Amino acid sequence: MRTTSNASPFNPFRAAAAAFAFAGAAVVSAAPASAQQMLCGERDGIVSTLSDSWHEERTAIGLSNTGAVYEVFSSPDGTWTILLTTPDGPTCLVGAGEHWETMMLQVAGEPV
């Protein structure tokens, strides 16, 4: 398990918050129905920090029916981050964690 410099267990949300702060991203409070706050900021800085600090690269991308872009970033070490970028600009952290595994896509009827 990856640990931080103070030898505490790896906390992906603390790591993501540090990544946002390191990138100089502005933390913006979002107010979804659940009243949780989301970490949001400038995409290029966030992506650079994910790459430089966590060795995460984009491994998947999807477009929602609202025009928002969801991106999955993962590293060879198994860390992962999911980002959401809205059409009007900000990029927000949706989730982060460990033990990411890439699955091989199997087409129905095709041998593996």
N, C-alpha and C. Protein backbone atom coordinates (compact mmCIF):
# COMPACT_ATOMS: atom_id res chain seq x y z
N MET A 1 0.84 -1.18 0.00
CA MET A 1 0.00 0.00 0.00
C MET A 1 0.88 1.23 0.00
N ARG A 2 0.53 2.22 -0.80
CA ARG A 2 1.29 3.47 -0.87
C ARG A 2 1.02 4.28 0.39
N THR A 3 2.05 4.89 0.92
CA THR A 3 1.88 5.75 2.08
C THR A 3 2.37 7.14 1.75
N THR A 4 1.89 8.09 2.53
CA THR A 4 2.34 9.46 2.37
C THR A 4 3.60 9.66 3.19
N SER A 5 4.18 10.85 3.13
CA SER A 5 5.44 11.10 3.82
C SER A 5 5.33 10.99 5.33
N ASN A 6 4.14 11.13 5.91
CA ASN A 6 4.00 11.00 7.35
C ASN A 6 3.62 9.58 7.76
N ALA A 7 3.76 8.63 6.85
CA ALA A 7 3.55 7.20 7.08
C ALA A 7 2.11 6.85 7.42
N SER A 8 1.15 7.73 7.15
CA SER A 8 -0.24 7.37 7.34
C SER A 8 -0.72 6.63 6.10
N PRO A 9 -1.80 5.83 6.20
CA PRO A 9 -2.30 5.10 5.03
C PRO A 9 -2.69 6.05 3.90
N PHE A 10 -2.53 5.59 2.69
CA PHE A 10 -2.87 6.39 1.51
C PHE A 10 -4.35 6.73 1.53
N ASN A 11 -4.66 8.00 1.42
CA ASN A 11 -6.04 8.47 1.37
C ASN A 11 -6.23 9.14 0.02
N PRO A 12 -6.97 8.50 -0.90
CA PRO A 12 -7.07 9.05 -2.25
C PRO A 12 -7.71 10.43 -2.31
N PHE A 13 -8.65 10.74 -1.43
CA PHE A 13 -9.28 12.05 -1.49
C PHE A 13 -8.34 13.12 -0.95
N ARG A 14 -7.54 12.79 0.07
CA ARG A 14 -6.54 13.73 0.55
C ARG A 14 -5.49 13.95 -0.53
N ALA A 15 -5.11 12.88 -1.20
CA ALA A 15 -4.14 12.99 -2.29
C ALA A 15 -4.69 13.85 -3.42
N ALA A 16 -5.96 13.66 -3.75
CA ALA A 16 -6.57 14.46 -4.81
C ALA A 16 -6.64 15.92 -4.42
N ALA A 17 -6.97 16.18 -3.16
CA ALA A 17 -7.01 17.57 -2.69
C ALA A 17 -5.63 18.20 -2.79
N ALA A 18 -4.60 17.43 -2.43
CA ALA A 18 -3.23 17.93 -2.54
C ALA A 18 -2.88 18.19 -4.00
N ALA A 19 -3.33 17.30 -4.88
CA ALA A 19 -3.05 17.47 -6.31
C ALA A 19 -3.71 18.75 -6.82
N PHE A 20 -4.93 19.02 -6.40
CA PHE A 20 -5.61 20.24 -6.83
C PHE A 20 -4.88 21.47 -6.30
N ALA A 21 -4.47 21.42 -5.04
CA ALA A 21 -3.78 22.56 -4.44
C ALA A 21 -2.43 22.77 -5.12
N PHE A 22 -1.72 21.70 -5.35
CA PHE A 22 -0.41 21.79 -5.98
C PHE A 22 -0.52 22.39 -7.38
N ALA A 23 -1.59 22.04 -8.08
CA ALA A 23 -1.79 22.54 -9.45
C ALA A 23 -2.24 23.99 -9.46
N GLY A 24 -2.50 24.55 -8.28
CA GLY A 24 -2.95 25.93 -8.22
C GLY A 24 -4.41 26.07 -8.62
N ALA A 25 -5.14 24.96 -8.53
CA ALA A 25 -6.55 24.98 -8.92
C ALA A 25 -7.37 25.67 -7.84
N ALA A 26 -8.33 26.43 -8.27
CA ALA A 26 -9.24 27.07 -7.33
C ALA A 26 -10.24 26.03 -6.85
N VAL A 27 -10.45 25.96 -5.55
CA VAL A 27 -11.43 25.03 -5.01
C VAL A 27 -12.77 25.74 -5.02
N VAL A 28 -13.72 25.11 -5.66
CA VAL A 28 -15.04 25.70 -5.84
C VAL A 28 -16.06 24.81 -5.14
N SER A 29 -16.98 25.39 -4.46
CA SER A 29 -18.01 24.63 -3.79
C SER A 29 -19.17 24.41 -4.75
N ALA A 30 -19.50 23.16 -4.97
CA ALA A 30 -20.68 22.82 -5.76
C ALA A 30 -21.79 22.44 -4.79
N ALA A 31 -23.02 22.60 -5.18
CA ALA A 31 -24.12 22.29 -4.28
C ALA A 31 -25.09 21.31 -4.91
N PRO A 32 -24.67 20.06 -5.13
CA PRO A 32 -25.60 19.06 -5.64
C PRO A 32 -26.64 18.73 -4.58
N ALA A 33 -27.62 17.93 -4.95
CA ALA A 33 -28.70 17.59 -4.03
C ALA A 33 -28.18 17.00 -2.73
N SER A 34 -27.06 16.27 -2.79
CA SER A 34 -26.51 15.66 -1.60
C SER A 34 -25.80 16.67 -0.70
N ALA A 35 -25.64 17.89 -1.16
CA ALA A 35 -25.00 18.98 -0.42
C ALA A 35 -23.54 18.70 -0.13
N GLN A 36 -22.92 17.82 -0.88
CA GLN A 36 -21.50 17.57 -0.73
C GLN A 36 -20.73 18.61 -1.52
N GLN A 37 -19.50 18.89 -1.09
CA GLN A 37 -18.65 19.81 -1.83
C GLN A 37 -17.77 19.01 -2.77
N MET A 38 -17.52 19.56 -3.95
CA MET A 38 -16.64 18.93 -4.92
C MET A 38 -15.41 19.81 -5.09
N LEU A 39 -14.28 19.17 -5.35
CA LEU A 39 -13.07 19.91 -5.67
C LEU A 39 -13.07 20.17 -7.16
N CYS A 40 -12.98 21.43 -7.54
CA CYS A 40 -13.04 21.81 -8.95
C CYS A 40 -11.93 22.81 -9.25
N GLY A 41 -11.50 22.85 -10.51
CA GLY A 41 -10.47 23.79 -10.89
C GLY A 41 -10.20 23.75 -12.38
N GLU A 42 -9.05 24.24 -12.78
CA GLU A 42 -8.64 24.34 -14.18
C GLU A 42 -8.09 22.99 -14.64
N ARG A 43 -8.64 22.45 -15.73
CA ARG A 43 -8.35 21.09 -16.18
C ARG A 43 -6.88 20.83 -16.47
N ASP A 44 -6.24 21.71 -17.24
CA ASP A 44 -4.86 21.46 -17.64
C ASP A 44 -3.93 21.29 -16.44
N GLY A 45 -4.08 22.11 -15.44
CA GLY A 45 -3.26 22.01 -14.24
C GLY A 45 -3.52 20.72 -13.47
N ILE A 46 -4.79 20.35 -13.39
CA ILE A 46 -5.15 19.13 -12.67
C ILE A 46 -4.58 17.91 -13.38
N VAL A 47 -4.73 17.85 -14.70
CA VAL A 47 -4.22 16.72 -15.48
C VAL A 47 -2.70 16.64 -15.38
N SER A 48 -2.02 17.78 -15.42
CA SER A 48 -0.56 17.80 -15.27
C SER A 48 -0.14 17.24 -13.92
N THR A 49 -0.84 17.62 -12.87
CA THR A 49 -0.51 17.14 -11.54
C THR A 49 -0.77 15.64 -11.42
N LEU A 50 -1.87 15.16 -11.99
CA LEU A 50 -2.14 13.72 -11.95
C LEU A 50 -1.01 12.95 -12.63
N SER A 51 -0.51 13.49 -13.73
CA SER A 51 0.59 12.85 -14.45
C SER A 51 1.90 12.95 -13.68
N ASP A 52 2.25 14.15 -13.26
CA ASP A 52 3.55 14.38 -12.62
C ASP A 52 3.65 13.74 -11.24
N SER A 53 2.60 13.86 -10.44
CA SER A 53 2.66 13.39 -9.05
C SER A 53 2.22 11.94 -8.86
N TRP A 54 1.27 11.49 -9.68
CA TRP A 54 0.70 10.15 -9.47
C TRP A 54 0.93 9.22 -10.65
N HIS A 55 1.57 9.72 -11.72
CA HIS A 55 1.84 8.93 -12.93
C HIS A 55 0.55 8.39 -13.55
N GLU A 56 -0.53 9.16 -13.39
CA GLU A 56 -1.81 8.77 -13.96
C GLU A 56 -1.98 9.39 -15.35
N GLU A 57 -2.45 8.59 -16.26
CA GLU A 57 -2.74 9.03 -17.62
C GLU A 57 -4.18 8.67 -17.94
N ARG A 58 -4.78 9.39 -18.88
CA ARG A 58 -6.17 9.12 -19.24
C ARG A 58 -6.27 7.74 -19.89
N THR A 59 -7.18 6.93 -19.36
CA THR A 59 -7.39 5.58 -19.89
C THR A 59 -8.80 5.37 -20.42
N ALA A 60 -9.70 6.29 -20.13
CA ALA A 60 -11.07 6.18 -20.65
C ALA A 60 -11.69 7.57 -20.66
N ILE A 61 -12.67 7.76 -21.56
CA ILE A 61 -13.36 9.04 -21.67
C ILE A 61 -14.78 8.77 -22.15
N GLY A 62 -15.73 9.58 -21.67
CA GLY A 62 -17.11 9.44 -22.10
C GLY A 62 -17.82 10.77 -22.07
N LEU A 63 -18.83 10.90 -22.89
CA LEU A 63 -19.62 12.13 -23.00
C LEU A 63 -21.04 11.84 -22.51
N SER A 64 -21.51 12.64 -21.55
CA SER A 64 -22.87 12.45 -21.04
C SER A 64 -23.87 13.16 -21.94
N ASN A 65 -25.15 12.88 -21.73
CA ASN A 65 -26.19 13.52 -22.54
C ASN A 65 -26.33 15.01 -22.23
N THR A 66 -25.69 15.48 -21.15
CA THR A 66 -25.71 16.91 -20.82
C THR A 66 -24.52 17.65 -21.43
N GLY A 67 -23.62 16.93 -22.08
CA GLY A 67 -22.44 17.54 -22.67
C GLY A 67 -21.22 17.51 -21.77
N ALA A 68 -21.37 16.98 -20.57
CA ALA A 68 -20.23 16.87 -19.65
C ALA A 68 -19.33 15.72 -20.10
N VAL A 69 -18.03 15.90 -19.88
CA VAL A 69 -17.05 14.88 -20.24
C VAL A 69 -16.54 14.23 -18.95
N TYR A 70 -16.62 12.90 -18.90
CA TYR A 70 -16.07 12.12 -17.79
C TYR A 70 -14.78 11.48 -18.28
N GLU A 71 -13.73 11.57 -17.46
CA GLU A 71 -12.45 10.98 -17.82
C GLU A 71 -11.94 10.13 -16.66
N VAL A 72 -11.39 8.96 -17.00
CA VAL A 72 -10.75 8.10 -16.01
C VAL A 72 -9.25 8.19 -16.25
N PHE A 73 -8.50 8.48 -15.19
CA PHE A 73 -7.05 8.49 -15.22
C PHE A 73 -6.59 7.37 -14.30
N SER A 74 -5.60 6.60 -14.74
CA SER A 74 -5.07 5.54 -13.89
C SER A 74 -3.57 5.41 -14.10
N SER A 75 -2.93 4.76 -13.12
CA SER A 75 -1.48 4.59 -13.16
C SER A 75 -1.13 3.10 -13.16
N PRO A 76 0.09 2.77 -13.56
CA PRO A 76 0.55 1.38 -13.48
C PRO A 76 0.54 0.85 -12.04
N ASP A 77 0.62 1.77 -11.05
CA ASP A 77 0.59 1.37 -9.64
C ASP A 77 -0.82 1.07 -9.15
N GLY A 78 -1.85 1.35 -9.97
CA GLY A 78 -3.22 1.05 -9.60
C GLY A 78 -4.01 2.21 -9.04
N THR A 79 -3.40 3.41 -8.93
CA THR A 79 -4.18 4.56 -8.47
C THR A 79 -5.08 5.02 -9.61
N TRP A 80 -6.21 5.63 -9.27
CA TRP A 80 -7.13 6.11 -10.30
C TRP A 80 -7.85 7.36 -9.82
N THR A 81 -8.28 8.15 -10.80
CA THR A 81 -9.03 9.37 -10.55
C THR A 81 -10.07 9.51 -11.65
N ILE A 82 -11.28 9.93 -11.28
CA ILE A 82 -12.32 10.22 -12.26
C ILE A 82 -12.61 11.72 -12.19
N LEU A 83 -12.52 12.36 -13.35
CA LEU A 83 -12.79 13.80 -13.45
C LEU A 83 -14.04 14.04 -14.29
N LEU A 84 -14.73 15.12 -13.99
CA LEU A 84 -15.90 15.57 -14.74
C LEU A 84 -15.63 17.00 -15.18
N THR A 85 -15.74 17.25 -16.48
CA THR A 85 -15.60 18.61 -17.00
C THR A 85 -16.93 19.01 -17.62
N THR A 86 -17.48 20.11 -17.14
CA THR A 86 -18.78 20.57 -17.63
C THR A 86 -18.60 21.45 -18.85
N PRO A 87 -19.64 21.60 -19.66
CA PRO A 87 -19.53 22.43 -20.86
C PRO A 87 -19.15 23.87 -20.56
N ASP A 88 -19.51 24.39 -19.37
CA ASP A 88 -19.19 25.78 -19.05
C ASP A 88 -17.83 25.94 -18.37
N GLY A 89 -17.05 24.85 -18.28
CA GLY A 89 -15.67 25.05 -17.88
C GLY A 89 -15.04 24.26 -16.77
N PRO A 90 -15.52 24.32 -15.53
CA PRO A 90 -14.72 23.73 -14.47
C PRO A 90 -14.58 22.21 -14.59
N THR A 91 -13.44 21.72 -14.10
CA THR A 91 -13.19 20.28 -14.01
C THR A 91 -13.27 19.93 -12.53
N CYS A 92 -14.02 18.87 -12.22
CA CYS A 92 -14.24 18.50 -10.82
C CYS A 92 -13.85 17.04 -10.57
N LEU A 93 -13.37 16.79 -9.37
CA LEU A 93 -13.04 15.45 -8.94
C LEU A 93 -14.33 14.71 -8.59
N VAL A 94 -14.54 13.56 -9.23
CA VAL A 94 -15.70 12.71 -8.94
C VAL A 94 -15.31 11.64 -7.95
N GLY A 95 -14.12 11.07 -8.11
CA GLY A 95 -13.66 10.03 -7.21
C GLY A 95 -12.20 9.70 -7.47
N ALA A 96 -11.60 9.02 -6.50
CA ALA A 96 -10.21 8.61 -6.62
C ALA A 96 -10.00 7.41 -5.72
N GLY A 97 -9.02 6.57 -6.05
CA GLY A 97 -8.78 5.41 -5.22
C GLY A 97 -7.57 4.62 -5.67
N GLU A 98 -7.56 3.36 -5.26
CA GLU A 98 -6.47 2.44 -5.55
C GLU A 98 -7.02 1.17 -6.18
N HIS A 99 -6.11 0.33 -6.62
CA HIS A 99 -6.41 -1.01 -7.14
C HIS A 99 -7.23 -0.99 -8.43
N TRP A 100 -6.94 -0.02 -9.30
CA TRP A 100 -7.59 0.02 -10.61
C TRP A 100 -7.13 -1.17 -11.43
N GLU A 101 -8.04 -1.83 -12.10
CA GLU A 101 -7.71 -2.92 -13.01
C GLU A 101 -8.38 -2.67 -14.34
N THR A 102 -7.61 -2.76 -15.40
CA THR A 102 -8.14 -2.60 -16.74
C THR A 102 -8.62 -3.96 -17.22
N MET A 103 -9.86 -4.03 -17.65
CA MET A 103 -10.46 -5.28 -18.11
C MET A 103 -10.38 -5.34 -19.63
N MET A 104 -10.17 -6.52 -20.14
CA MET A 104 -10.14 -6.71 -21.59
C MET A 104 -11.59 -6.76 -22.08
N LEU A 105 -11.90 -5.97 -23.09
CA LEU A 105 -13.25 -5.93 -23.64
C LEU A 105 -13.47 -7.15 -24.50
N GLN A 106 -14.55 -7.87 -24.24
CA GLN A 106 -14.87 -9.04 -25.05
C GLN A 106 -16.11 -8.75 -25.87
N VAL A 107 -16.00 -8.94 -27.18
CA VAL A 107 -17.13 -8.75 -28.06
C VAL A 107 -17.98 -10.01 -28.02
N ALA A 108 -19.29 -9.84 -27.88
CA ALA A 108 -20.20 -10.99 -27.79
C ALA A 108 -19.98 -11.93 -28.98
N GLY A 109 -19.83 -13.21 -28.69
CA GLY A 109 -19.67 -14.20 -29.74
C GLY A 109 -18.24 -14.41 -30.21
N GLU A 110 -17.31 -13.55 -29.75
CA GLU A 110 -15.92 -13.68 -30.15
C GLU A 110 -15.14 -14.42 -29.06
N PRO A 111 -14.21 -15.31 -29.46
CA PRO A 111 -13.38 -15.97 -28.43
C PRO A 111 -12.44 -14.96 -27.78
N VAL A 112 -12.07 -15.23 -26.54
CA VAL A 112 -11.18 -14.33 -25.81
C VAL A 112 -9.75 -14.53 -26.24
